[in-house]
Amino acid sequence: MSSSQELYNQLSEKLRELVSVKNSKQITNWIWIVVGMLQSESCHLGQIANYLPMSSMAESRVTLIRRWLMNPSIQVWRFYKKVLEHVFAGWKNVSATIVLDGVMLFGDRWQVFRVSLLHGNRAVPLAWVVVKGKGLVKVTKLKNMLEKVQRFLKKHVQEVLFLADAGFRDWDWAQLCTELGWNYGIRIARNTYLTLPNGRMDRLDQLVPENQNRYFQNALLTKQAVWQANVSVTWTKDKDGKLEMVAVMTNQIACRARLREYAKRMSIEQSFRDDKKYKVLHNKRFWRIFSKFCAKQACFLRILCQKTCLWKMCCTDLHR
């Protein structure tokens, strides 16, 4: 038996237990595409096609892969949701921490935004979306994705903490979290205006001296004082050794614990850094990790669906 066939058999045994669709060929082709990605260590269709079990010309095999990618009846969430449910079995009493982050692709023409579950020192992808253009994204662009994550998580975990960096610093992100029933810790800019309970209004970098921590309860954010939140502030150093303020707004009591929670976001993500370094679809580190997991392990399934479903989603959206 060839190594490709053996790998296909291992994947097929587990994935067919979890994912059920009317047309079984969709699962078959999906698994063979995964096998091709693993064996070729590439996301290029021509390389993947070399490992498909067909006697036809390479061009025909590439066409088969393209048709699978562009098939509107193949819904990524239908495939991925079942795998996530398998991973989340037994999490009912767990408090989950999720992280929102984004990465630019293809000369900054597109952005991929991803919501991930913090688990240990890794981030398990829950949902993602491709947005055209660059710069700060409006909450309306990602609202549907976050609502989908909320509907899924409320069935599987006790409560949720949402973390995001200063790219999502507008108060309407905090408002959406409140609507979704999530706690939140969102980094805000040092020039953000706060109005304190005593009536004083000033910028954060004027309120907090360098190298000191401050915790503000029931502050109103922005000059217009449109959102009430608690704010925890500390200082760190950037990659050049310069002092950098870290200010986190939250609906929970402002204290050192909020800063520790947000620090998890800074330390977890090898995978976020991989996305930015290898632009998601060229992640060489992924192939080294992938070979270490058995087909029946939940982590293996998570990585499998992250890369293949994300790959399909990107290819589909970028061709629209």
Protein backbone atom coordinates (compact mmCIF):
# COMPACT_ATOMS: atom_id res chain seq x y z
CA MET A 1 0.00 0.00 0.00
CA SER A 2 1.38 3.43 -0.92
CA SER A 3 1.96 6.05 1.76
CA SER A 4 -0.70 8.24 0.15
CA GLN A 5 -3.29 5.47 0.29
CA GLU A 6 -2.40 4.68 3.90
CA LEU A 7 -2.78 8.32 4.88
CA TYR A 8 -6.08 8.51 3.02
CA ASN A 9 -7.38 5.46 4.90
CA GLN A 10 -6.46 6.97 8.29
CA LEU A 11 -8.11 10.28 7.51
CA SER A 12 -11.16 8.69 5.95
CA GLU A 13 -11.84 6.49 8.97
CA LYS A 14 -12.13 9.46 11.32
CA LEU A 15 -13.54 12.19 9.09
CA ARG A 16 -16.38 10.08 7.72
CA GLU A 17 -17.48 9.44 11.31
CA LEU A 18 -17.73 13.17 11.91
CA VAL A 19 -18.80 14.74 8.63
CA SER A 20 -21.85 13.56 6.74
CA VAL A 21 -23.00 15.02 3.40
CA LYS A 22 -25.36 13.72 0.74
CA ASN A 23 -22.65 13.46 -1.88
CA SER A 24 -19.92 11.23 -0.44
CA LYS A 25 -17.60 12.18 -3.32
CA GLN A 26 -17.21 15.59 -1.69
CA ILE A 27 -15.63 13.91 1.34
CA THR A 28 -13.53 11.62 -0.85
CA ASN A 29 -12.13 14.49 -2.91
CA TRP A 30 -11.58 16.58 0.23
CA ILE A 31 -9.49 13.86 1.84
CA TRP A 32 -7.45 13.25 -1.30
CA ILE A 33 -6.72 16.98 -1.57
CA VAL A 34 -5.52 16.90 2.04
CA VAL A 35 -3.32 13.91 1.23
CA GLY A 36 -1.90 15.83 -1.74
CA MET A 37 -1.15 18.84 0.45
CA LEU A 38 0.62 16.66 3.00
CA GLN A 39 2.62 14.63 0.54
CA SER A 40 3.65 17.57 -1.63
CA GLU A 41 4.11 19.99 1.30
CA SER A 42 2.55 22.60 -0.95
CA CYS A 43 -0.73 24.43 -1.50
CA HIS A 44 -0.13 24.72 -5.26
CA LEU A 45 -2.74 22.82 -7.22
CA GLY A 46 -0.25 21.32 -9.67
CA GLN A 47 1.80 19.87 -6.83
CA ILE A 48 -1.25 18.50 -5.02
CA ALA A 49 -2.60 16.95 -8.22
CA ASN A 50 0.44 14.67 -8.48
CA TYR A 51 -0.84 12.67 -5.49
CA LEU A 52 -4.43 12.19 -6.60
CA PRO A 53 -5.13 8.51 -7.52
CA MET A 54 -6.02 9.18 -11.14
CA SER A 55 -4.45 8.03 -14.37
CA SER A 56 -5.56 11.14 -16.27
CA MET A 57 -3.32 14.02 -17.26
CA ALA A 58 -2.14 16.43 -14.58
CA GLU A 59 -4.31 19.20 -16.05
CA SER A 60 -7.45 17.11 -15.50
CA ARG A 61 -6.51 16.47 -11.90
CA VAL A 62 -5.96 20.18 -11.33
CA THR A 63 -9.39 20.85 -12.84
CA LEU A 64 -10.95 18.40 -10.38
CA ILE A 65 -9.40 20.26 -7.46
CA ARG A 66 -10.55 23.62 -8.82
CA ARG A 67 -14.09 22.36 -9.19
CA TRP A 68 -14.10 21.15 -5.60
CA LEU A 69 -12.82 24.51 -4.37
CA MET A 70 -15.40 26.47 -6.33
CA ASN A 71 -18.32 24.13 -5.70
CA PRO A 72 -21.02 26.31 -4.04
CA SER A 73 -22.67 23.26 -2.45
CA ILE A 74 -19.57 22.64 -0.31
CA GLN A 75 -20.07 24.77 2.78
CA VAL A 76 -16.94 25.11 4.91
CA TRP A 77 -18.90 25.43 8.17
CA ARG A 78 -20.81 22.21 7.50
CA PHE A 79 -17.49 20.37 7.35
CA TYR A 80 -15.75 22.20 10.18
CA LYS A 81 -18.60 22.43 12.69
CA LYS A 82 -18.72 18.66 13.21
CA VAL A 83 -15.01 18.54 13.85
CA LEU A 84 -15.27 21.40 16.36
CA GLU A 85 -18.13 19.66 18.16
CA HIS A 86 -15.90 16.62 18.51
CA VAL A 87 -13.11 18.77 19.96
CA PHE A 88 -15.48 20.55 22.38
CA ALA A 89 -16.98 17.41 23.87
CA GLY A 90 -16.82 17.73 27.66
CA TRP A 91 -16.25 21.52 27.72
CA LYS A 92 -19.69 22.42 29.13
CA ASN A 93 -18.36 23.78 32.44
CA VAL A 94 -15.30 25.51 30.97
CA SER A 95 -14.74 29.27 30.69
CA ALA A 96 -13.39 29.85 27.18
CA THR A 97 -11.05 32.62 26.02
CA ILE A 98 -11.24 33.58 22.36
CA VAL A 99 -8.98 35.88 20.36
CA LEU A 100 -9.69 37.99 17.27
CA ASP A 101 -6.80 38.83 14.97
CA GLY A 102 -6.20 39.70 11.32
CA VAL A 103 -3.50 39.32 8.69
CA MET A 104 -2.94 41.07 5.35
CA LEU A 105 -2.60 39.02 2.16
CA PHE A 106 -1.56 39.51 -1.46
CA GLY A 107 0.02 42.93 -1.35
CA ASP A 108 -2.38 44.17 1.33
CA ARG A 109 -5.35 43.75 -1.01
CA TRP A 110 -7.17 41.39 1.35
CA GLN A 111 -7.42 40.77 5.08
CA VAL A 112 -8.20 37.46 6.77
CA PHE A 113 -9.80 37.88 10.20
CA ARG A 114 -9.83 34.86 12.48
CA VAL A 115 -11.52 34.07 15.78
CA SER A 116 -9.61 31.42 17.72
CA LEU A 117 -10.00 29.58 20.98
CA LEU A 118 -7.11 30.05 23.40
CA HIS A 119 -5.95 26.61 24.55
CA GLY A 120 -2.62 26.26 26.31
CA ASN A 121 -0.12 28.13 24.17
CA ARG A 122 -2.03 27.59 20.95
CA ALA A 123 -5.04 29.12 19.24
CA VAL A 124 -7.66 26.77 17.78
CA PRO A 125 -9.43 28.46 14.83
CA LEU A 126 -13.20 28.76 15.24
CA ALA A 127 -14.21 30.97 12.32
CA TRP A 128 -12.67 33.27 9.73
CA VAL A 129 -13.65 35.70 7.02
CA VAL A 130 -11.90 37.42 4.09
CA VAL A 131 -12.40 41.19 3.74
CA LYS A 132 -11.25 43.25 0.77
CA GLY A 133 -9.03 46.25 1.45
CA LYS A 134 -6.75 47.34 4.27
CA GLY A 135 -6.92 49.43 7.43
CA LEU A 136 -9.20 49.18 10.44
CA VAL A 137 -12.25 47.01 9.85
CA LYS A 138 -15.74 48.06 10.92
CA VAL A 139 -17.62 45.86 13.35
CA THR A 140 -20.40 45.35 10.78
CA LYS A 141 -17.96 43.46 8.54
CA LEU A 142 -17.28 40.80 11.19
CA LYS A 143 -20.57 40.81 13.08
CA ASN A 144 -22.01 37.77 11.29
CA MET A 145 -18.86 35.75 11.98
CA LEU A 146 -18.87 36.65 15.68
CA GLU A 147 -22.57 35.89 16.01
CA LYS A 148 -21.96 32.47 14.46
CA VAL A 149 -19.18 31.82 16.99
CA GLN A 150 -21.51 32.93 19.80
CA ARG A 151 -24.27 30.54 18.70
CA PHE A 152 -21.79 27.68 18.62
CA LEU A 153 -20.02 28.41 21.89
CA LYS A 154 -23.13 28.96 24.00
CA LYS A 155 -23.95 25.29 23.53
CA HIS A 156 -20.50 24.09 24.55
CA VAL A 157 -18.91 26.39 27.17
CA GLN A 158 -19.99 28.16 30.36
CA GLU A 159 -18.77 31.68 29.59
CA VAL A 160 -16.55 33.50 27.09
CA LEU A 161 -13.77 36.08 27.38
CA PHE A 162 -13.06 37.95 24.12
CA LEU A 163 -9.57 39.42 23.58
CA ALA A 164 -8.52 41.74 20.75
CA ASP A 165 -5.67 44.14 20.05
CA ALA A 166 -5.79 47.86 19.26
CA GLY A 167 -6.87 47.16 15.70
CA PHE A 168 -10.33 46.66 17.22
CA ARG A 169 -10.19 49.54 19.70
CA ASP A 170 -13.45 51.28 18.79
CA TRP A 171 -16.07 51.09 21.53
CA ASP A 172 -18.60 49.39 19.23
CA TRP A 173 -16.55 46.16 19.50
CA ALA A 174 -17.13 46.25 23.25
CA GLN A 175 -20.80 46.98 22.65
CA LEU A 176 -21.11 43.91 20.39
CA CYS A 177 -19.44 41.73 23.02
CA THR A 178 -21.97 42.94 25.57
CA GLU A 179 -24.81 42.07 23.19
CA LEU A 180 -23.33 38.60 22.70
CA GLY A 181 -23.06 38.03 26.45
CA TRP A 182 -19.24 37.93 26.44
CA ASN A 183 -16.72 39.43 28.79
CA TYR A 184 -14.09 41.37 26.88
CA GLY A 185 -10.55 42.69 27.09
CA ILE A 186 -9.74 44.99 24.18
CA ARG A 187 -6.57 47.02 23.88
CA ILE A 188 -7.05 50.74 23.29
CA ALA A 189 -4.68 53.46 22.08
CA ARG A 190 -2.64 55.59 24.47
CA ASN A 191 -4.27 58.75 23.10
CA THR A 192 -7.76 57.55 24.08
CA TYR A 193 -9.65 60.08 26.18
CA LEU A 194 -11.13 58.98 29.50
CA THR A 195 -13.65 60.82 31.66
CA LEU A 196 -13.20 59.68 35.25
CA PRO A 197 -15.98 59.50 37.88
CA ASN A 198 -14.59 62.71 39.47
CA GLY A 199 -15.21 64.59 36.21
CA ARG A 200 -11.61 64.83 35.01
CA MET A 201 -11.15 64.17 31.28
CA ASP A 202 -7.72 63.55 29.75
CA ARG A 203 -5.72 61.28 27.48
CA LEU A 204 -4.50 58.00 28.90
CA ASP A 205 -0.85 58.90 28.39
CA GLN A 206 -1.46 62.01 30.50
CA LEU A 207 -3.25 60.08 33.23
CA VAL A 208 -0.67 57.31 33.66
CA PRO A 209 3.04 58.10 34.31
CA GLU A 210 5.66 55.92 32.62
CA ASN A 211 6.45 52.60 34.31
CA GLN A 212 3.38 52.78 36.54
CA ASN A 213 0.18 50.75 36.55
CA ARG A 214 -3.22 52.35 36.88
CA TYR A 215 -6.70 50.88 37.15
CA PHE A 216 -9.74 53.00 36.30
CA GLN A 217 -13.25 51.88 37.22
CA ASN A 218 -16.39 53.18 35.50
CA ALA A 219 -14.57 55.49 33.09
CA LEU A 220 -16.23 56.98 30.01
CA LEU A 221 -14.24 56.48 26.79
CA THR A 222 -13.60 58.99 23.99
CA LYS A 223 -14.13 62.75 24.05
CA GLN A 224 -17.82 62.17 23.50
CA ALA A 225 -17.94 59.86 26.57
CA VAL A 226 -20.01 57.34 24.62
CA TRP A 227 -19.02 54.09 26.36
CA GLN A 228 -18.49 53.17 30.00
CA ALA A 229 -15.83 50.59 30.78
CA ASN A 230 -13.06 49.76 33.20
CA VAL A 231 -9.47 50.31 32.03
CA SER A 232 -6.27 48.57 33.17
CA VAL A 233 -2.96 50.18 32.19
CA THR A 234 0.67 49.05 32.36
CA TRP A 235 3.92 49.63 30.48
CA THR A 236 6.13 47.26 28.54
CA LYS A 237 8.96 47.55 26.00
CA ASP A 238 8.67 47.10 22.25
CA LYS A 239 11.12 45.18 20.08
CA ASP A 240 13.42 48.23 19.98
CA GLY A 241 13.45 48.54 23.76
CA LYS A 242 11.24 51.63 23.86
CA LEU A 243 8.52 52.02 26.45
CA GLU A 244 5.06 51.10 25.21
CA MET A 245 1.75 51.56 26.99
CA VAL A 246 -0.65 48.62 27.20
CA ALA A 247 -4.18 49.77 28.05
CA VAL A 248 -7.06 47.29 28.11
CA MET A 249 -10.74 48.19 28.37
CA THR A 250 -12.98 45.59 29.94
CA ASN A 251 -16.44 45.05 31.41
CA GLN A 252 -14.83 43.32 34.40
CA ILE A 253 -13.11 44.96 37.37
CA ALA A 254 -9.92 46.71 36.26
CA CYS A 255 -6.97 45.07 38.04
CA ARG A 256 -3.72 43.23 37.44
CA ALA A 257 -5.64 40.07 36.53
CA ARG A 258 -7.04 41.82 33.43
CA LEU A 259 -3.50 42.58 32.27
CA ARG A 260 -2.46 38.97 32.86
CA GLU A 261 -5.44 37.79 30.81
CA TYR A 262 -4.53 40.08 27.95
CA ALA A 263 -0.88 39.00 28.18
CA LYS A 264 -1.99 35.49 27.19
CA ARG A 265 -2.97 36.89 23.84
CA MET A 266 0.52 38.29 23.38
CA SER A 267 2.23 35.01 24.28
CA ILE A 268 0.12 32.37 22.58
CA GLU A 269 0.41 32.79 19.06
CA GLN A 270 2.95 31.08 17.15
CA SER A 271 0.15 30.45 14.65
CA PHE A 272 -0.75 34.14 14.31
CA ARG A 273 2.91 34.90 13.70
CA ASP A 274 3.07 32.02 11.23
CA ASP A 275 0.13 33.50 9.34
CA LYS A 276 1.87 36.84 9.08
CA LYS A 277 5.26 35.42 8.17
CA TYR A 278 4.09 32.81 5.67
CA LYS A 279 0.85 34.57 4.64
CA VAL A 280 -1.41 31.75 5.86
CA LEU A 281 -1.19 29.62 2.74
CA HIS A 282 2.59 29.09 2.78
CA ASN A 283 3.13 27.95 6.34
CA LYS A 284 6.09 25.53 6.21
CA ARG A 285 5.94 25.03 9.97
CA PHE A 286 2.48 23.52 9.56
CA TRP A 287 3.86 20.55 7.63
CA ARG A 288 6.35 19.70 10.37
CA ILE A 289 3.60 19.83 13.01
CA PHE A 290 1.17 17.88 10.88
CA SER A 291 3.38 14.82 10.55
CA LYS A 292 3.52 14.42 14.35
CA PHE A 293 -0.16 13.79 14.91
CA CYS A 294 -2.23 10.67 14.49
CA ALA A 295 -5.35 10.94 12.36
CA LYS A 296 -7.56 10.16 15.35
CA GLN A 297 -6.30 12.97 17.57
CA ALA A 298 -8.49 16.03 18.00
CA CYS A 299 -5.53 18.38 17.56
CA PHE A 300 -4.72 16.68 14.27
CA LEU A 301 -8.29 17.21 13.11
CA ARG A 302 -8.19 20.83 14.17
CA ILE A 303 -5.03 21.52 12.16
CA LEU A 304 -6.39 19.52 9.24
CA CYS A 305 -9.59 21.55 8.98
CA GLN A 306 -7.91 24.85 9.78
CA LYS A 307 -5.61 24.57 6.81
CA THR A 308 -7.83 22.84 4.27
CA CYS A 309 -11.08 24.69 5.01
CA LEU A 310 -9.26 28.02 5.31
CA TRP A 311 -7.50 27.25 2.04
CA LYS A 312 -10.82 26.55 0.32
CA MET A 313 -12.41 29.64 1.83
CA CYS A 314 -9.57 31.91 0.70
CA CYS A 315 -9.46 30.44 -2.79
CA THR A 316 -13.24 30.77 -3.16
CA ASP A 317 -13.48 34.34 -1.84
CA LEU A 318 -10.46 35.63 -3.74
CA HIS A 319 -11.88 34.41 -7.05
CA ARG A 320 -15.23 36.16 -6.60
